[in-house]
Amino acid sequence: MALAVMLLNGAPFYSGCCRHEVLLSLLRPLLSNSKLYSSYRRPGAEPKKKLSWQNADFSFKKGIDHLKTQLSLLKKEAQDYLQGPGGHPLNQHLLEQTRVLWQFRSQEDLNKWVISSDMEIGGKSKVYIKLGRNNQAALLYGTLNTEVPRDGETKYSGYCSMRSRPAVGSFNRKKYYDWSNFNSLYLRVRGDGRTWMVNIYTDPYFSHQKDDLYSYFMFTRGGPYWEEIKIPFSKFFFSSRGRVQDNQHPVWLDKTLGFTIGDKIDGPFQLEIDFIGLLNDRAHREEFAYETYDKN
């Protein structure tokens, strides 16, 4: 077992072809309690005393059950692929005008999202998520605090975010969304009057691209009434590490989605989200809202 963990921890082994990813997904349930990669440790924190392989929980039955689950997912993916794009007939796919991506009606719907705040870098902002009244929406709430941690490195603080989990297929393969038939993001929300950023994250191929994302503003008006917001994909601008880039290009519509609040206003916030969907607005003909430059 220790040898298996050493192989999985080896960079040349994991960075190989797709068969290594399949083997990794099969062995992962056998090592469910182990950490294959060393996590970031802040200065002053005590190092872990146990080695990763000492926390390994070998379970042959769990591995067989996981294999059965992945094979059933692979079978469903093959059936959907033969039926048409997204598991729908081709004529239905071409004529589709709207599509609901996420609808919040149960705890399982909330588990498809991840929340985070500046507490990861030593900040004091707090964020929570739960089902709203009558289990009819997701309630994202918390407190924003712009106090900068006194670590001598961090210069800015004060943000909270909510991000969808990356879609995965059978054997933990990456899956990508197909939003090519739509030109707008469509949401039904109820906010408290604060401004949010809607983010579409990229899939980085290189390490320096891990902070690249496409963003646009979402203005909530507050009050007791729900509002339906339509954001054309042509309005999303490209940024990296919080800075808008000179080289702008249209967004690639196959990534994860997220919401971020960082308006530098200390205090409580809340945002209710009924559903998040896509819209094909025939009246919107703009391809890209920003000027692009040709490289020399």
Protein backbone atom coordinates (compact mmCIF):
# COMPACT_ATOMS: atom_id res chain seq x y z
CA MET A 1 0.00 0.00 0.00
CA ALA A 2 2.85 2.37 0.79
CA LEU A 3 4.24 1.65 -2.67
CA ALA A 4 0.88 2.52 -4.24
CA VAL A 5 0.82 5.87 -2.43
CA MET A 6 4.38 6.60 -3.54
CA LEU A 7 3.43 5.88 -7.14
CA LEU A 8 0.38 8.12 -6.95
CA ASN A 9 2.43 10.89 -5.40
CA GLY A 10 5.02 10.68 -8.17
CA ALA A 11 4.73 13.57 -10.60
CA PRO A 12 5.90 11.66 -13.71
CA PHE A 13 3.34 8.94 -13.03
CA TYR A 14 0.40 11.26 -12.53
CA SER A 15 1.25 13.56 -15.41
CA GLY A 16 1.22 10.72 -17.90
CA CYS A 17 -1.51 9.72 -20.28
CA CYS A 18 -5.17 9.15 -19.51
CA ARG A 19 -4.72 5.56 -18.31
CA HIS A 20 -2.97 6.91 -15.22
CA GLU A 21 -6.00 9.08 -14.46
CA VAL A 22 -8.24 6.03 -14.70
CA LEU A 23 -5.95 4.07 -12.36
CA LEU A 24 -5.86 6.99 -9.95
CA SER A 25 -9.67 7.17 -9.87
CA LEU A 26 -9.86 3.43 -9.13
CA LEU A 27 -7.34 3.60 -6.28
CA ARG A 28 -8.71 6.81 -4.77
CA PRO A 29 -11.53 5.13 -2.80
CA LEU A 30 -9.00 2.68 -1.40
CA LEU A 31 -7.08 5.66 -0.06
CA SER A 32 -10.09 7.70 0.93
CA ASN A 33 -8.60 9.04 4.15
CA SER A 34 -5.16 9.78 2.74
CA LYS A 35 -3.90 13.05 1.29
CA LEU A 36 -2.04 12.53 -1.95
CA TYR A 37 -0.75 16.07 -2.15
CA SER A 38 0.78 18.28 0.51
CA SER A 39 -1.53 21.18 1.35
CA TYR A 40 -0.37 24.73 1.95
CA ARG A 41 0.81 25.35 5.51
CA ARG A 42 0.86 28.91 6.83
CA PRO A 43 4.00 30.12 8.60
CA GLY A 44 3.93 29.14 12.28
CA ALA A 45 1.59 26.19 11.80
CA GLU A 46 2.78 22.82 13.08
CA PRO A 47 3.68 20.23 10.45
CA LYS A 48 1.70 17.01 10.32
CA LYS A 49 3.36 14.19 12.22
CA LYS A 50 1.84 11.30 10.24
CA LEU A 51 2.92 10.37 6.75
CA SER A 52 0.24 10.23 4.06
CA TRP A 53 0.41 6.46 3.67
CA GLN A 54 -0.15 5.97 7.41
CA ASN A 55 -3.67 7.41 7.03
CA ALA A 56 -4.55 5.03 4.19
CA ASP A 57 -7.77 3.08 4.62
CA PHE A 58 -7.60 0.03 2.36
CA SER A 59 -11.05 -1.32 1.50
CA PHE A 60 -11.43 -3.80 -1.32
CA LYS A 61 -15.24 -3.71 -1.16
CA LYS A 62 -15.23 0.08 -1.45
CA GLY A 63 -13.03 -0.18 -4.54
CA ILE A 64 -15.38 -2.69 -6.22
CA ASP A 65 -18.43 -0.52 -5.44
CA HIS A 66 -16.64 2.51 -6.90
CA LEU A 67 -15.77 0.57 -10.04
CA LYS A 68 -19.42 -0.47 -10.51
CA THR A 69 -20.53 3.14 -10.11
CA GLN A 70 -18.03 4.42 -12.67
CA LEU A 71 -18.98 1.72 -15.19
CA SER A 72 -22.66 2.64 -14.86
CA LEU A 73 -21.76 6.31 -15.45
CA LEU A 74 -19.73 5.33 -18.50
CA LYS A 75 -22.71 3.37 -19.86
CA LYS A 76 -25.04 6.35 -19.41
CA GLU A 77 -22.54 8.68 -21.11
CA ALA A 78 -22.35 6.32 -24.09
CA GLN A 79 -26.15 6.20 -24.35
CA ASP A 80 -26.42 10.00 -24.17
CA TYR A 81 -23.71 10.39 -26.81
CA LEU A 82 -25.55 8.09 -29.20
CA GLN A 83 -28.85 9.86 -28.60
CA GLY A 84 -27.55 13.36 -29.32
CA PRO A 85 -25.81 16.41 -27.77
CA GLY A 86 -26.39 16.46 -24.03
CA GLY A 87 -28.53 13.35 -24.26
CA HIS A 88 -31.21 15.13 -26.32
CA PRO A 89 -32.26 14.54 -29.94
CA LEU A 90 -30.50 16.78 -32.43
CA ASN A 91 -33.65 18.67 -33.48
CA GLN A 92 -34.48 19.43 -29.85
CA HIS A 93 -30.92 20.60 -29.23
CA LEU A 94 -30.97 23.00 -32.20
CA LEU A 95 -34.35 24.51 -31.26
CA GLU A 96 -33.62 24.86 -27.54
CA GLN A 97 -34.20 28.44 -26.35
CA THR A 98 -33.72 28.13 -22.59
CA ARG A 99 -32.03 25.72 -20.24
CA VAL A 100 -31.90 25.58 -16.43
CA LEU A 101 -28.40 24.71 -15.26
CA TRP A 102 -28.81 24.88 -11.49
CA GLN A 103 -31.99 24.98 -9.44
CA PHE A 104 -31.83 25.00 -5.65
CA ARG A 105 -34.43 22.77 -4.06
CA SER A 106 -32.49 20.36 -1.85
CA GLN A 107 -29.23 19.91 0.03
CA GLU A 108 -27.96 17.86 -2.91
CA ASP A 109 -28.29 20.96 -5.11
CA LEU A 110 -26.25 22.98 -2.61
CA ASN A 111 -23.53 20.33 -2.55
CA LYS A 112 -22.77 21.14 -6.18
CA TRP A 113 -21.30 24.46 -5.02
CA VAL A 114 -18.33 25.50 -2.89
CA ILE A 115 -18.09 28.64 -0.76
CA SER A 116 -14.90 30.42 0.26
CA SER A 117 -13.76 33.70 1.79
CA ASP A 118 -10.62 35.61 2.68
CA MET A 119 -10.29 33.45 5.80
CA GLU A 120 -8.14 31.25 3.54
CA ILE A 121 -5.50 33.99 3.57
CA GLY A 122 -6.03 35.04 7.19
CA GLY A 123 -8.94 37.45 6.67
CA LYS A 124 -12.04 37.81 8.83
CA SER A 125 -14.89 37.65 6.30
CA LYS A 126 -17.42 34.85 6.82
CA VAL A 127 -19.77 33.22 4.32
CA TYR A 128 -22.44 30.54 4.64
CA ILE A 129 -24.96 28.87 2.35
CA LYS A 130 -28.23 27.15 3.12
CA LEU A 131 -31.65 26.52 1.66
CA GLY A 132 -34.03 29.45 1.78
CA ARG A 133 -37.61 29.58 2.98
CA ASN A 134 -39.67 26.54 1.98
CA ASN A 135 -36.57 25.07 0.30
CA GLN A 136 -37.18 27.22 -2.77
CA ALA A 137 -33.81 28.94 -3.19
CA ALA A 138 -30.19 29.03 -2.09
CA LEU A 139 -29.44 31.66 0.55
CA LEU A 140 -25.85 32.92 0.46
CA TYR A 141 -25.13 35.14 3.44
CA GLY A 142 -22.33 36.26 5.70
CA THR A 143 -20.25 39.24 6.79
CA LEU A 144 -17.66 41.12 4.77
CA ASN A 145 -14.59 42.42 6.60
CA THR A 146 -11.88 44.34 4.76
CA GLU A 147 -9.34 44.23 7.61
CA VAL A 148 -6.02 43.11 6.14
CA PRO A 149 -4.30 40.20 7.94
CA ARG A 150 -1.11 41.21 9.69
CA ASP A 151 1.21 38.75 8.01
CA GLY A 152 3.45 41.28 6.27
CA GLU A 153 2.51 39.96 2.81
CA THR A 154 -1.21 40.44 2.16
CA LYS A 155 -2.18 43.93 0.97
CA TYR A 156 -5.90 43.54 0.26
CA SER A 157 -8.69 41.57 1.88
CA GLY A 158 -12.46 41.42 2.05
CA TYR A 159 -14.16 38.97 -0.30
CA CYS A 160 -16.58 36.04 -0.24
CA SER A 161 -17.43 33.77 -3.12
CA MET A 162 -19.57 30.87 -4.24
CA ARG A 163 -18.39 28.61 -7.06
CA SER A 164 -19.83 25.59 -8.82
CA ARG A 165 -17.91 22.34 -8.58
CA PRO A 166 -16.23 21.24 -11.83
CA ALA A 167 -18.25 18.71 -13.77
CA VAL A 168 -16.71 15.25 -13.86
CA GLY A 169 -17.59 12.19 -15.87
CA SER A 170 -16.91 8.52 -15.38
CA PHE A 171 -13.54 7.65 -13.87
CA ASN A 172 -13.18 11.29 -12.77
CA ARG A 173 -12.65 12.58 -16.28
CA LYS A 174 -13.14 16.29 -16.89
CA LYS A 175 -16.44 17.25 -18.48
CA TYR A 176 -17.16 20.53 -20.21
CA TYR A 177 -20.43 22.36 -20.58
CA ASP A 178 -21.85 22.91 -24.04
CA TRP A 179 -23.40 26.40 -24.00
CA SER A 180 -22.78 27.11 -27.68
CA ASN A 181 -26.49 27.44 -28.50
CA PHE A 182 -27.01 30.27 -26.02
CA ASN A 183 -25.80 33.86 -25.82
CA SER A 184 -26.94 35.02 -22.36
CA LEU A 185 -26.86 33.98 -18.74
CA TYR A 186 -30.27 34.14 -17.07
CA LEU A 187 -30.77 34.30 -13.29
CA ARG A 188 -33.58 34.83 -10.82
CA VAL A 189 -32.18 36.37 -7.64
CA ARG A 190 -33.11 38.53 -4.68
CA GLY A 191 -30.32 40.61 -3.18
CA ASP A 192 -29.77 43.34 -0.63
CA GLY A 193 -28.72 46.12 -3.01
CA ARG A 194 -25.03 45.24 -3.12
CA THR A 195 -23.00 44.62 -6.26
CA TRP A 196 -21.74 41.16 -7.15
CA MET A 197 -19.34 39.84 -9.74
CA VAL A 198 -20.46 36.92 -11.89
CA ASN A 199 -17.40 34.88 -12.86
CA ILE A 200 -16.80 32.22 -15.48
CA TYR A 201 -13.60 30.40 -14.64
CA THR A 202 -11.12 29.05 -17.14
CA ASP A 203 -9.55 25.62 -17.32
CA PRO A 204 -5.83 26.39 -17.00
CA TYR A 205 -3.36 24.50 -19.14
CA PHE A 206 -0.38 26.23 -17.50
CA SER A 207 0.21 27.24 -13.90
CA HIS A 208 0.30 30.98 -14.67
CA GLN A 209 -3.28 30.77 -16.02
CA LYS A 210 -4.86 29.51 -12.79
CA ASP A 211 -6.13 32.99 -11.85
CA ASP A 212 -7.66 33.80 -15.26
CA LEU A 213 -11.41 34.38 -15.36
CA TYR A 214 -14.17 36.21 -17.21
CA SER A 215 -16.34 38.56 -15.18
CA TYR A 216 -19.27 40.95 -15.32
CA PHE A 217 -21.24 42.91 -12.75
CA MET A 218 -24.58 41.90 -11.26
CA PHE A 219 -26.45 44.77 -9.61
CA THR A 220 -29.14 43.84 -7.09
CA ARG A 221 -31.77 46.39 -6.11
CA GLY A 222 -32.72 45.01 -2.70
CA GLY A 223 -36.23 44.89 -1.30
CA PRO A 224 -38.72 42.03 -1.01
CA TYR A 225 -39.15 41.35 -4.72
CA TRP A 226 -37.34 38.89 -6.93
CA GLU A 227 -35.58 40.14 -10.03
CA GLU A 228 -34.68 38.35 -13.23
CA ILE A 229 -31.25 39.27 -14.57
CA LYS A 230 -29.99 38.65 -18.09
CA ILE A 231 -26.27 39.01 -18.78
CA PRO A 232 -25.08 38.52 -22.38
CA PHE A 233 -21.90 36.49 -22.66
CA SER A 234 -20.50 39.20 -24.92
CA LYS A 235 -20.28 41.52 -21.88
CA PHE A 236 -17.88 39.32 -19.90
CA PHE A 237 -14.36 40.76 -19.77
CA PHE A 238 -11.11 38.89 -19.24
CA SER A 239 -9.02 39.47 -16.10
CA SER A 240 -6.20 37.84 -14.18
CA ARG A 241 -5.36 38.29 -10.50
CA GLY A 242 -8.00 40.99 -10.25
CA ARG A 243 -6.60 43.08 -13.12
CA VAL A 244 -8.42 43.63 -16.40
CA GLN A 245 -6.21 42.52 -19.28
CA ASP A 246 -5.47 44.54 -22.43
CA ASN A 247 -5.79 41.43 -24.61
CA GLN A 248 -9.54 40.80 -24.53
CA HIS A 249 -11.33 37.93 -26.27
CA PRO A 250 -14.78 36.29 -26.07
CA VAL A 251 -15.45 33.91 -23.22
CA TRP A 252 -15.15 30.15 -23.71
CA LEU A 253 -18.48 28.71 -22.63
CA ASP A 254 -17.49 25.40 -21.08
CA LYS A 255 -16.25 26.29 -17.61
CA THR A 256 -17.45 26.61 -14.02
CA LEU A 257 -19.53 29.53 -12.75
CA GLY A 258 -19.20 31.60 -9.60
CA PHE A 259 -20.30 34.69 -7.67
CA THR A 260 -18.02 37.02 -5.71
CA ILE A 261 -18.72 39.97 -3.44
CA GLY A 262 -15.84 42.34 -2.74
CA ASP A 263 -17.26 45.86 -2.83
CA LYS A 264 -15.07 47.06 0.10
CA ILE A 265 -18.12 47.70 2.29
CA ASP A 266 -17.90 46.09 5.73
CA GLY A 267 -21.04 44.49 7.06
CA PRO A 268 -23.57 41.73 6.46
CA PHE A 269 -24.74 40.64 3.01
CA GLN A 270 -27.15 38.13 1.56
CA LEU A 271 -28.13 36.85 -1.85
CA GLU A 272 -30.95 34.44 -2.67
CA ILE A 273 -30.69 32.48 -5.92
CA ASP A 274 -33.74 30.68 -7.29
CA PHE A 275 -32.17 29.26 -10.44
CA ILE A 276 -29.34 29.83 -12.90
CA GLY A 277 -30.02 29.19 -16.56
CA LEU A 278 -29.16 29.98 -20.15
CA LEU A 279 -31.09 31.99 -22.72
CA ASN A 280 -30.83 32.28 -26.48
CA ASP A 281 -31.92 35.88 -27.03
CA ARG A 282 -32.59 36.30 -30.75
CA ALA A 283 -32.68 40.09 -30.35
CA HIS A 284 -29.11 40.20 -29.04
CA ARG A 285 -26.68 40.21 -31.97
CA GLU A 286 -23.55 41.60 -30.35
CA GLU A 287 -20.62 39.20 -30.63
CA PHE A 288 -18.18 40.97 -28.32
CA ALA A 289 -18.53 44.25 -26.47
CA TYR A 290 -14.87 45.19 -26.16
CA GLU A 291 -12.18 46.27 -28.57
CA THR A 292 -9.62 43.64 -29.47
CA TYR A 293 -6.05 44.15 -30.60
CA ASP A 294 -3.97 42.18 -33.04
CA LYS A 295 -0.61 41.07 -31.73
CA ASN A 296 2.44 42.31 -33.62
